[in-house]
């Protein structure tokens, strides 16, 4: 994601050999415990990290080019030799799906499995990689003293329902083989740094699917069981439940399921860039595309990547997630050579903004997974690893933007002099804009008032700065009525400008046609 970041039902199984033999079998449950060799466990972890790197690269050329539309079959999406190396060399920011995860992997390595959330938050916020949407909003919050979980809450982060944690939750599942509830525990701590509600559920769902992929070779089982970690009354659960239902109704037509998703679930109420736009970075719909790719891909690696990419929108992150989950299920050794060939020349190269390569994280991933297995009731005897598998448990219910419905986008197109006003009628608003100045160290100081009451004294870095604010100003949960927003620029300088683009207005109900 750039530009604009899963459970087991306990019962007996006579033999677990088929789980890892490669044949896909329909099943309703897996056993209470699973034993596999360290080599097999490591192969699956390696497949997960490699798989997401491959998927991210495959979808890179079409990321956010096809919004609200399918990428038609006649449009080629290539896999030329050197594809991964090309992005490493020319656009390393493509791999925010992975370098974000590696921040968390590094903290676990330095401080252990019980590392405090503030350690993750500070490392994340003070990193030197570019971020967008909920991640960048959370970075700004943390740098200004709003720590997790408040940094990801929708009242402090207009992008709380965005895809950000969904694309960064791979580590939680890869650390928690067969233990989806443990993956959810890691997600509770780290995912709430940048997301809330459906945005957080996207990461919980992804983490659980990775976790299940270690102990099942049935993608339908993986998807449906992972969903049990999400509260049934949430819109996220309802959306993915629909995908599963539509897959059963249209088993040979992924495009029909895509169309059903578009009709019912493609409205974005949160992200100020996606409201009233075909651009949709909401976690629900993008998780739906991941599920569509997995369900209709039927364990075929290339088909899974292609379908999840051709669903559009965040078309690099979705195949990255699907490719990582399927790569975990298959294991690195069973990812087709056609797809792995482009990894070989970069596996010893560090990802940009990190000191870790794929070969490094393959080893660290196994090390951390073994620690998590032992901590959660499993056993390691010699080369054999016995996992104490977990039944799915739903995480707590939460809903972003509850009672808030976008009703209008008002063009502002204004620059601050000393002060400026904007009026709206509703219960909340988000104002998009940016600070521009040749001196990138400049920080505008702006007082923001609603109806004459000071709401915030904001520090607004230049738009190109890593510490920039994603949106200039927002306020929700106001009394319904007409409101006046006033900006006062306290430290204007020559060659600097504070630019107000537009305002998304919220009311307590959608406008009727």
Protein backbone atom coordinates (compact mmCIF):
# COMPACT_ATOMS: atom_id res chain seq x y z
CA UNK A 1 0.00 0.00 0.00
CA UNK A 2 1.50 3.28 -1.13
CA UNK A 3 0.61 6.60 -2.60
CA UNK A 4 -2.48 8.05 -1.37
CA UNK A 5 -0.07 -1.24 5.15
CA UNK A 6 -7.33 -16.53 11.40
CA UNK A 7 -8.95 -21.26 14.93
CA UNK A 8 -9.05 -24.57 15.21
CA UNK A 9 -11.99 -26.79 16.26
CA UNK A 10 -10.75 -29.55 18.54
CA UNK A 11 -11.36 -33.11 17.48
CA UNK A 12 -9.37 -36.16 16.51
CA UNK A 13 -7.65 -36.84 13.24
CA UNK A 14 -6.27 -40.34 12.75
CA UNK A 15 -3.26 -39.23 10.78
CA UNK A 16 -1.73 -35.81 10.20
CA UNK A 17 0.49 -36.97 7.37
CA UNK A 18 -1.91 -35.68 4.73
CA UNK A 19 -1.75 -32.18 6.23
CA UNK A 20 1.78 -31.85 5.03
CA UNK A 21 1.86 -34.27 2.11
CA UNK A 22 0.55 -31.80 -0.42
CA UNK A 23 -2.84 -33.33 -1.24
CA UNK A 24 -5.73 -31.00 -0.51
CA UNK A 25 -8.49 -32.70 1.45
CA UNK A 26 -11.75 -31.29 2.72
CA UNK A 27 -12.02 -31.44 6.48
CA UNK A 28 -14.00 -29.91 9.28
CA UNK A 29 -11.29 -29.87 11.93
CA UNK A 30 -7.68 -30.60 12.76
CA UNK A 31 -6.34 -32.33 15.82
CA UNK A 32 -5.61 -30.72 19.16
CA UNK A 33 -1.91 -31.00 18.44
CA UNK A 34 0.29 -31.27 15.38
CA UNK A 35 3.86 -32.55 15.22
CA UNK A 36 6.24 -31.67 12.43
CA UNK A 37 9.95 -31.42 11.98
CA UNK A 38 11.90 -28.22 12.44
CA UNK A 39 12.82 -28.49 8.79
CA UNK A 40 9.15 -28.58 7.78
CA UNK A 41 8.26 -25.72 10.09
CA UNK A 42 11.13 -23.66 8.75
CA UNK A 43 10.12 -24.44 5.18
CA UNK A 44 6.64 -23.09 5.84
CA UNK A 45 7.91 -19.95 7.52
CA UNK A 46 10.27 -19.42 4.62
CA UNK A 47 7.36 -19.93 2.22
CA UNK A 48 5.35 -17.26 4.03
CA UNK A 49 8.02 -14.56 3.82
CA UNK A 50 9.01 -15.48 0.28
CA UNK A 51 5.38 -15.71 -0.81
CA UNK A 52 4.49 -12.23 0.26
CA UNK A 53 7.58 -10.80 -1.43
CA UNK A 54 6.63 -12.52 -4.69
CA UNK A 55 3.00 -11.39 -4.47
CA UNK A 56 3.88 -7.81 -3.71
CA UNK A 57 6.22 -7.69 -6.70
CA UNK A 58 3.70 -9.31 -9.05
CA UNK A 59 1.00 -6.76 -8.25
CA UNK A 60 3.33 -3.77 -8.11
CA UNK A 61 2.79 -2.57 -11.69
CA UNK A 62 -1.01 -2.32 -11.22
CA UNK A 63 -1.24 -1.01 -7.66
CA UNK A 64 -4.15 1.43 -7.35
CA UNK A 65 -4.40 1.80 -11.12
CA UNK A 66 -7.65 -0.21 -11.31
CA UNK A 67 -9.97 1.14 -8.65
CA UNK A 68 -13.53 -0.14 -8.52
CA UNK A 69 -12.97 -2.29 -11.58
CA UNK A 70 -11.59 -5.72 -12.41
CA UNK A 71 -8.28 -5.97 -14.23
CA UNK A 72 -9.54 -7.75 -17.30
CA UNK A 73 -8.01 -11.03 -18.46
CA UNK A 74 -6.63 -9.54 -21.66
CA UNK A 75 -4.51 -7.05 -19.70
CA UNK A 76 -1.14 -8.74 -19.16
CA UNK A 77 0.53 -8.77 -15.76
CA UNK A 78 4.05 -9.98 -16.35
CA UNK A 79 6.66 -11.82 -14.28
CA UNK A 80 9.85 -11.00 -16.15
CA UNK A 81 13.28 -12.11 -15.04
CA UNK A 82 14.74 -9.67 -12.54
CA UNK A 83 11.34 -8.35 -11.44
CA UNK A 84 12.12 -8.35 -7.70
CA UNK A 85 15.61 -6.92 -8.13
CA UNK A 86 14.18 -4.12 -10.25
CA UNK A 87 11.94 -2.94 -7.42
CA UNK A 88 14.74 -3.35 -4.85
CA UNK A 89 16.82 -1.05 -7.02
CA UNK A 90 14.27 1.50 -8.19
CA UNK A 91 11.28 1.56 -5.82
CA UNK A 92 12.06 -0.13 -2.49
CA UNK A 93 9.01 1.57 -0.96
CA UNK A 94 6.87 -1.03 -2.72
CA UNK A 95 7.79 -3.44 0.06
CA UNK A 96 6.13 -1.55 2.92
CA UNK A 97 4.19 -4.82 3.38
CA UNK A 98 7.46 -6.38 4.53
CA UNK A 99 9.74 -3.73 5.98
CA UNK A 100 6.97 -2.76 8.41
CA UNK A 101 6.79 -6.38 9.62
CA UNK A 102 10.56 -6.43 10.00
CA UNK A 103 10.42 -3.51 12.43
CA UNK A 104 8.34 -5.72 14.72
CA UNK A 105 10.52 -8.79 14.11
CA UNK A 106 13.55 -6.76 15.17
CA UNK A 107 11.90 -5.66 18.42
CA UNK A 108 10.94 -9.26 19.29
CA UNK A 109 14.53 -10.27 18.62
CA UNK A 110 16.00 -7.53 20.81
CA UNK A 111 13.48 -7.43 23.67
CA UNK A 112 11.74 -10.82 23.59
CA UNK A 113 8.16 -11.99 23.08
CA UNK A 114 6.83 -9.77 25.88
CA UNK A 115 8.35 -6.56 24.57
CA UNK A 116 6.22 -3.56 25.63
CA UNK A 117 4.07 -1.88 23.03
CA UNK A 118 5.88 1.43 23.50
CA UNK A 119 9.06 -0.17 22.14
CA UNK A 120 7.27 -1.14 18.94
CA UNK A 121 5.63 2.27 18.73
CA UNK A 122 8.82 4.28 19.09
CA UNK A 123 10.76 2.11 16.61
CA UNK A 124 7.92 2.40 14.13
CA UNK A 125 7.43 6.14 14.54
CA UNK A 126 11.12 7.02 14.37
CA UNK A 127 11.89 4.83 11.38
CA UNK A 128 13.14 6.42 8.20
CA UNK A 129 10.87 4.60 5.75
CA UNK A 130 7.96 6.30 4.00
CA UNK A 131 4.47 5.58 5.28
CA UNK A 132 0.94 6.38 4.18
CA UNK A 133 -2.63 6.48 5.50
CA UNK A 134 -3.21 4.90 8.94
CA UNK A 135 0.49 4.18 9.41
CA UNK A 136 1.52 7.75 8.79
CA UNK A 137 -1.32 9.11 10.91
CA UNK A 138 -0.18 6.82 13.73
CA UNK A 139 3.44 7.88 13.30
CA UNK A 140 2.40 11.51 13.67
CA UNK A 141 0.30 10.70 16.73
CA UNK A 142 3.10 8.77 18.46
CA UNK A 143 5.65 11.49 17.73
CA UNK A 144 3.26 13.94 19.39
CA UNK A 145 2.62 11.84 22.50
CA UNK A 146 -0.55 10.00 21.49
CA UNK A 147 0.55 6.44 22.22
CA UNK A 148 -1.09 3.08 21.41
CA UNK A 149 -3.88 2.17 21.42
CA UNK A 150 -5.05 5.77 21.15
CA UNK A 151 -2.75 6.33 18.15
CA UNK A 152 -4.89 3.99 16.04
CA UNK A 153 -8.31 4.89 17.39
CA UNK A 154 -10.63 6.44 14.81
CA UNK A 155 -11.15 9.54 16.94
CA UNK A 156 -7.43 10.27 16.54
CA UNK A 157 -6.84 8.60 13.17
CA UNK A 158 -9.21 9.19 10.24
CA UNK A 159 -7.59 6.22 8.46
CA UNK A 160 -8.32 3.70 11.24
CA UNK A 161 -10.28 1.38 8.92
CA UNK A 162 -7.63 1.42 6.21
CA UNK A 163 -5.65 -1.63 5.11
CA UNK A 164 -2.44 -0.74 6.96
CA UNK A 165 -2.30 -3.35 9.72
CA UNK A 166 -3.81 -5.96 7.40
CA UNK A 167 -0.70 -5.81 5.23
CA UNK A 168 1.63 -5.90 8.26
CA UNK A 169 0.08 -8.75 10.29
CA UNK A 170 1.98 -11.54 8.50
CA UNK A 171 4.55 -11.67 11.32
CA UNK A 172 1.83 -12.44 13.91
CA UNK A 173 0.65 -15.57 12.10
CA UNK A 174 4.11 -16.71 11.07
CA UNK A 175 5.21 -16.52 14.74
CA UNK A 176 2.14 -18.49 15.87
CA UNK A 177 1.92 -21.75 13.90
CA UNK A 178 -1.42 -23.45 14.64
CA UNK A 179 -2.14 -20.85 17.34
CA UNK A 180 -4.48 -18.22 15.87
CA UNK A 181 -5.47 -16.82 19.24
CA UNK A 182 -1.82 -16.17 20.02
CA UNK A 183 -1.56 -14.39 16.69
CA UNK A 184 -4.54 -12.27 17.77
CA UNK A 185 -2.71 -11.44 21.01
CA UNK A 186 0.23 -10.06 19.06
CA UNK A 187 -2.20 -8.19 16.82
CA UNK A 188 -3.97 -6.63 19.79
CA UNK A 189 -0.73 -5.10 20.94
CA UNK A 190 0.74 -4.00 17.63
CA UNK A 191 -2.26 -3.62 15.32
CA UNK A 192 -3.92 -1.05 17.53
CA UNK A 193 -0.93 1.22 17.06
CA UNK A 194 -2.32 2.25 13.69
CA UNK A 195 -5.82 0.78 13.24
CA UNK A 196 -9.14 0.15 14.96
CA UNK A 197 -12.39 -1.68 14.17
CA UNK A 198 -12.50 -3.16 10.68
CA UNK A 199 -8.99 -1.87 10.01
CA UNK A 200 -7.68 -3.89 12.94
CA UNK A 201 -9.86 -6.92 12.09
CA UNK A 202 -8.15 -7.13 8.70
CA UNK A 203 -4.86 -7.87 10.46
CA UNK A 204 -6.45 -10.28 12.95
CA UNK A 205 -8.01 -12.21 10.05
CA UNK A 206 -4.76 -12.32 8.10
CA UNK A 207 -2.75 -13.41 11.14
CA UNK A 208 -5.18 -16.25 11.79
CA UNK A 209 -5.06 -17.44 8.18
CA UNK A 210 -1.27 -17.60 8.32
CA UNK A 211 -1.48 -19.51 11.60
CA UNK A 212 -3.91 -22.06 10.18
CA UNK A 213 -1.87 -22.47 7.03
CA UNK A 214 0.72 -24.36 9.10
CA UNK A 215 -1.75 -27.10 10.06
CA UNK A 216 -4.16 -27.36 7.14
CA UNK A 217 -3.83 -27.70 3.39
CA UNK A 218 -7.49 -26.79 2.74
CA UNK A 219 -7.80 -23.14 1.76
CA UNK A 220 -11.56 -23.12 2.32
CA UNK A 221 -11.00 -24.36 5.86
CA UNK A 222 -8.27 -21.80 6.45
CA UNK A 223 -10.46 -18.90 5.37
CA UNK A 224 -13.64 -19.98 7.17
CA UNK A 225 -11.91 -20.98 10.42
CA UNK A 226 -9.84 -17.79 10.48
CA UNK A 227 -13.03 -15.77 10.28
CA UNK A 228 -14.05 -17.20 13.66
CA UNK A 229 -11.57 -14.83 15.27
CA UNK A 230 -13.71 -11.87 14.17
CA UNK A 231 -16.91 -10.90 16.05
CA UNK A 232 -19.97 -11.94 14.07
CA UNK A 233 -21.77 -8.62 14.45
CA UNK A 234 -18.91 -6.67 12.88
CA UNK A 235 -19.23 -5.50 9.30
CA UNK A 236 -15.86 -7.13 8.58
CA UNK A 237 -17.21 -10.57 9.57
CA UNK A 238 -20.36 -9.97 7.54
CA UNK A 239 -18.35 -9.05 4.45
CA UNK A 240 -16.06 -12.10 4.51
CA UNK A 241 -19.04 -14.35 5.37
CA UNK A 242 -20.66 -13.09 2.20
CA UNK A 243 -17.54 -13.92 0.19
CA UNK A 244 -17.57 -17.49 1.55
CA UNK A 245 -21.30 -17.80 0.77
CA UNK A 246 -20.93 -16.39 -2.73
CA UNK A 247 -18.00 -18.71 -3.41
CA UNK A 248 -20.29 -21.65 -2.67
CA UNK A 249 -23.02 -20.17 -4.87
CA UNK A 250 -20.69 -19.26 -7.76
CA UNK A 251 -17.84 -21.80 -7.34
CA UNK A 252 -16.47 -21.30 -10.83
CA UNK A 253 -16.93 -17.56 -11.26
CA UNK A 254 -14.75 -15.35 -9.11
CA UNK A 255 -15.84 -12.30 -11.04
CA UNK A 256 -19.47 -12.78 -9.98
CA UNK A 257 -18.36 -12.85 -6.34
CA UNK A 258 -16.30 -9.73 -6.99
CA UNK A 259 -19.37 -7.98 -8.43
CA UNK A 260 -21.47 -8.99 -5.41
CA UNK A 261 -18.77 -7.50 -3.15
CA UNK A 262 -18.77 -4.28 -5.10
CA UNK A 263 -22.52 -3.91 -4.84
CA UNK A 264 -22.67 -4.50 -1.09
CA UNK A 265 -19.31 -3.68 0.48
CA UNK A 266 -17.41 -1.11 -1.58
CA UNK A 267 -18.53 2.01 0.31
CA UNK A 268 -15.70 3.62 2.25
CA UNK A 269 -16.95 5.76 5.13
CA UNK A 270 -13.63 6.49 6.82
CA UNK A 271 -10.57 7.25 4.69
CA UNK A 272 -10.79 10.90 3.60
CA UNK A 273 -9.18 9.96 0.27
CA UNK A 274 -11.62 7.11 -0.41
CA UNK A 275 -14.93 8.69 0.58
CA UNK A 276 -16.93 9.66 -2.52
CA UNK A 277 -14.21 8.06 -4.67
CA UNK A 278 -13.56 4.83 -6.56
CA UNK A 279 -10.32 4.59 -4.58
CA UNK A 280 -10.96 2.16 -1.70
CA UNK A 281 -8.25 1.27 0.78
CA UNK A 282 -10.76 0.04 3.40
CA UNK A 283 -9.68 -3.23 5.03
CA UNK A 284 -13.01 -5.04 4.47
CA UNK A 285 -13.05 -4.91 0.71
CA UNK A 286 -9.34 -5.60 0.33
CA UNK A 287 -9.56 -8.57 2.73
CA UNK A 288 -12.45 -9.75 0.59
CA UNK A 289 -10.15 -9.68 -2.43
CA UNK A 290 -7.56 -11.74 -0.52
CA UNK A 291 -10.26 -14.28 0.37
CA UNK A 292 -11.49 -14.38 -3.24
CA UNK A 293 -7.96 -15.08 -4.45
CA UNK A 294 -7.45 -17.88 -1.94
CA UNK A 295 -10.87 -19.50 -2.41
CA UNK A 296 -10.93 -19.41 -6.19
CA UNK A 297 -7.20 -20.07 -6.53
CA UNK A 298 -7.82 -23.51 -4.97
CA UNK A 299 -4.22 -23.94 -3.87
CA UNK A 300 -2.73 -23.04 -7.25
CA UNK A 301 -0.04 -20.48 -6.53
CA UNK A 302 -0.12 -18.55 -9.79
CA UNK A 303 -3.91 -18.50 -10.04
CA UNK A 304 -4.21 -17.27 -6.45
CA UNK A 305 -1.83 -14.38 -7.09
CA UNK A 306 -3.50 -13.50 -10.36
CA UNK A 307 -7.07 -13.42 -9.03
CA UNK A 308 -6.23 -11.43 -5.93
CA UNK A 309 -4.34 -8.95 -8.12
CA UNK A 310 -7.07 -8.68 -10.75
CA UNK A 311 -9.61 -7.71 -8.09
CA UNK A 312 -7.93 -4.29 -8.25
CA UNK A 313 -7.51 -1.54 -5.66
CA UNK A 314 -4.45 -2.30 -3.46
CA UNK A 315 -3.33 -4.77 -6.08
CA UNK A 316 0.17 -5.37 -4.73
CA UNK A 317 -0.72 -5.81 -1.05
CA UNK A 318 -3.59 -8.24 -1.67
CA UNK A 319 -1.56 -10.76 -3.69
CA UNK A 320 1.26 -10.28 -1.19
CA UNK A 321 -1.05 -11.41 1.62
CA UNK A 322 -2.62 -14.23 -0.41
CA UNK A 323 0.78 -15.32 -1.69
CA UNK A 324 2.24 -15.35 1.82
CA UNK A 325 -0.61 -17.42 3.25
CA UNK A 326 -0.50 -19.92 0.40
CA UNK A 327 3.30 -19.95 0.56
CA UNK A 328 3.01 -20.93 4.21
CA UNK A 329 0.54 -23.70 3.40
CA UNK A 330 2.71 -25.07 0.59
CA UNK A 331 6.12 -24.34 2.08
CA UNK A 332 8.98 -22.69 0.24
CA UNK A 333 10.01 -25.99 -1.35
CA UNK A 334 6.64 -26.31 -3.08
CA UNK A 335 6.27 -22.78 -4.41
CA UNK A 336 6.69 -23.31 -8.17
CA UNK A 337 10.14 -22.53 -9.50
CA UNK A 338 8.61 -20.11 -12.01
CA UNK A 339 7.72 -17.83 -9.10
CA UNK A 340 10.78 -18.39 -6.90
CA UNK A 341 13.33 -17.73 -9.61
CA UNK A 342 13.20 -13.96 -9.15
CA UNK A 343 13.94 -14.21 -5.42
CA UNK A 344 17.34 -15.85 -5.63
CA UNK A 345 19.27 -12.72 -6.58
CA UNK A 346 17.84 -10.66 -3.67
CA UNK A 347 17.51 -13.12 -0.76
CA UNK A 348 20.82 -11.94 0.71
CA UNK A 349 20.02 -8.26 0.18
CA UNK A 350 18.59 -6.22 3.02
CA UNK A 351 15.19 -4.71 2.49
CA UNK A 352 15.41 -0.95 2.24
CA UNK A 353 15.30 0.86 5.59
CA UNK A 354 16.21 -2.37 7.44
CA UNK A 355 19.25 -4.45 8.33
CA UNK A 356 17.44 -7.70 7.47
CA UNK A 357 17.35 -9.76 4.29
CA UNK A 358 14.94 -12.55 3.40
CA UNK A 359 17.58 -15.09 4.43
CA UNK A 360 17.87 -13.33 7.79
CA UNK A 361 14.14 -13.30 8.43
CA UNK A 362 13.79 -16.95 7.39
CA UNK A 363 16.07 -17.80 10.33
CA UNK A 364 14.60 -15.31 12.78
CA UNK A 365 11.09 -16.42 11.85
CA UNK A 366 11.86 -20.01 12.82
CA UNK A 367 13.60 -18.92 16.02
CA UNK A 368 10.63 -16.82 17.15
CA UNK A 369 8.06 -19.44 16.16
CA UNK A 370 9.85 -22.06 18.27
CA UNK A 371 9.82 -19.68 21.22
CA UNK A 372 6.08 -19.06 20.79
CA UNK A 373 5.36 -22.78 20.48
CA UNK A 374 7.11 -23.53 23.77
CA UNK A 375 5.53 -20.59 25.55
CA UNK A 376 2.05 -21.73 24.54
CA UNK A 377 2.06 -25.34 25.67
CA UNK A 378 3.96 -26.96 22.80
CA UNK A 379 7.06 -29.11 23.02
CA UNK A 380 10.35 -29.34 21.16
CA UNK A 381 12.16 -32.65 21.33
CA UNK A 382 15.17 -32.88 19.11
CA UNK A 383 14.04 -32.22 15.59
CA UNK A 384 10.33 -32.67 16.37
CA UNK A 385 8.05 -29.74 17.16
CA UNK A 386 4.65 -30.44 18.71
CA UNK A 387 2.23 -27.54 18.49
CA UNK A 388 -0.63 -27.20 20.98
CA UNK A 389 -3.25 -26.05 18.49
CA UNK A 390 -5.90 -23.55 19.52
CA UNK A 391 -9.62 -23.32 18.90
CA UNK A 392 -10.72 -20.03 17.39
CA UNK A 393 -11.89 -17.33 19.76
CA UNK A 394 -13.31 -14.02 18.57
CA UNK A 395 -11.52 -10.88 19.62
CA UNK A 396 -13.43 -7.97 21.15
CA UNK A 397 -15.98 -5.99 19.19
CA UNK A 398 -15.16 -2.48 18.06
CA UNK A 399 -16.55 -0.21 15.35
CA UNK A 400 -14.92 2.81 13.80
CA UNK A 401 -16.95 5.85 12.72
CA UNK A 402 -20.02 4.54 14.51
CA UNK A 403 -23.02 6.76 13.79
CA UNK A 404 -21.02 8.83 11.30
CA UNK A 405 -21.99 8.90 7.64
CA UNK A 406 -20.25 10.96 4.94
CA UNK A 407 -22.73 13.29 3.28
CA UNK A 408 -20.66 15.88 1.42
CA UNK A 409 -17.23 16.81 0.15
CA UNK A 410 -16.75 20.56 0.07
CA UNK A 411 -13.96 22.01 -2.07
CA UNK A 412 -11.99 24.60 -0.11
CA UNK A 413 -8.97 25.41 -2.27
CA UNK A 414 -7.75 28.00 0.21
CA UNK A 415 -4.44 29.14 1.59
CA UNK A 416 -4.05 30.44 5.12
CA UNK A 417 -2.96 33.99 5.54
CA UNK A 418 -3.33 34.73 9.21
CA UNK A 419 -6.69 32.97 9.56
CA UNK A 420 -9.45 31.38 7.50
CA UNK A 421 -12.90 29.95 8.19
CA UNK A 422 -14.88 27.03 6.76
CA UNK A 423 -18.52 26.20 7.49
CA UNK A 424 -20.36 22.88 7.43
CA UNK A 425 -23.56 21.26 8.66
CA UNK A 426 -23.28 17.87 10.34
CA UNK A 427 -21.66 16.07 13.28
CA UNK A 428 -18.05 15.85 12.11
CA UNK A 429 -15.56 16.66 9.41
CA UNK A 430 -12.06 15.97 8.07
CA UNK A 431 -10.11 18.66 6.26
CA UNK A 432 -7.44 17.53 3.82
CA UNK A 433 -4.47 19.70 3.01
CA UNK A 434 -0.73 20.14 3.26
CA UNK A 435 2.10 22.49 4.19
CA UNK A 436 4.52 23.57 1.50
CA UNK A 437 7.91 25.19 2.09
CA UNK A 438 11.41 25.00 0.52
CA UNK A 439 12.77 24.53 4.04
CA UNK A 440 11.68 20.95 4.79
CA UNK A 441 12.47 21.44 8.48
CA UNK A 442 9.78 24.09 8.80
CA UNK A 443 6.77 23.21 11.00
CA UNK A 444 3.67 25.37 10.80
CA UNK A 445 1.94 26.10 14.08
CA UNK A 446 -1.81 26.39 13.58
CA UNK A 447 -4.58 26.87 16.14
CA UNK A 448 -7.81 25.15 15.16
CA UNK A 449 -11.17 26.18 16.53
CA UNK A 450 -14.68 24.80 16.21
CA UNK A 451 -17.44 27.29 16.91
CA UNK A 452 -14.97 29.62 18.54
CA UNK A 453 -13.55 27.01 20.96
CA UNK A 454 -9.90 26.04 20.68
CA UNK A 455 -9.72 22.33 19.81
CA UNK A 456 -6.06 21.90 18.96
CA UNK A 457 -2.77 23.69 18.61
CA UNK A 458 -1.36 21.64 15.77
CA UNK A 459 2.19 21.25 14.55
CA UNK A 460 2.16 20.69 10.80
CA UNK A 461 5.43 19.58 9.14
CA UNK A 462 6.05 20.13 5.46
CA UNK A 463 4.18 17.66 3.24
CA UNK A 464 7.38 15.92 2.09
CA UNK A 465 8.60 15.27 5.65
CA UNK A 466 8.48 11.80 7.18
CA UNK A 467 6.75 13.34 10.18
CA UNK A 468 3.99 14.98 8.10
CA UNK A 469 0.35 14.89 9.15
CA UNK A 470 -1.91 12.94 6.80
CA UNK A 471 -4.86 15.32 7.20
CA UNK A 472 -4.79 18.86 8.51
CA UNK A 473 -7.71 18.70 10.90
CA UNK A 474 -10.63 16.51 11.97
CA UNK A 475 -13.26 16.44 14.62
CA UNK A 476 -16.03 13.89 15.15
CA UNK A 477 -18.93 13.48 17.61
CA UNK A 478 -20.10 17.07 17.43
CA UNK A 479 -23.67 18.09 18.08
CA UNK A 480 -25.70 18.00 14.90
CA UNK A 481 -25.97 21.42 13.33
CA UNK A 482 -24.08 24.18 11.55
CA UNK A 483 -20.47 24.60 12.65
CA UNK A 484 -17.65 27.03 11.90
CA UNK A 485 -14.04 25.85 11.69
CA UNK A 486 -11.39 28.54 12.12
CA UNK A 487 -7.65 28.27 11.49
CA UNK A 488 -5.09 30.71 12.89
CA UNK A 489 -1.53 30.45 11.59
CA UNK A 490 0.81 31.44 14.40
CA UNK A 491 4.22 31.40 12.70
CA UNK A 492 3.88 32.29 9.02
CA UNK A 493 7.08 32.79 7.05
CA UNK A 494 7.90 33.79 3.52
CA UNK A 495 7.80 30.99 0.94
CA UNK A 496 5.62 28.80 3.17
CA UNK A 497 1.96 28.03 2.61
CA UNK A 498 -0.72 26.09 4.46
CA UNK A 499 -3.08 24.72 1.84
CA UNK A 500 -6.64 23.54 2.51
CA UNK A 501 -7.87 21.20 -0.22
CA UNK A 502 -11.33 20.07 0.81
CA UNK A 503 -13.55 18.96 3.67
CA UNK A 504 -15.44 15.67 4.11
CA UNK A 505 -18.59 16.27 6.13
CA UNK A 506 -20.27 13.66 8.33
CA UNK A 507 -23.84 13.52 9.60
CA UNK A 508 -25.83 11.03 11.69
CA UNK A 509 -27.50 9.50 8.63
CA UNK A 510 -26.87 9.17 4.92
CA UNK A 511 -28.55 11.68 2.66
CA UNK A 512 -31.66 10.26 1.03
CA UNK A 513 -31.96 10.46 -2.73
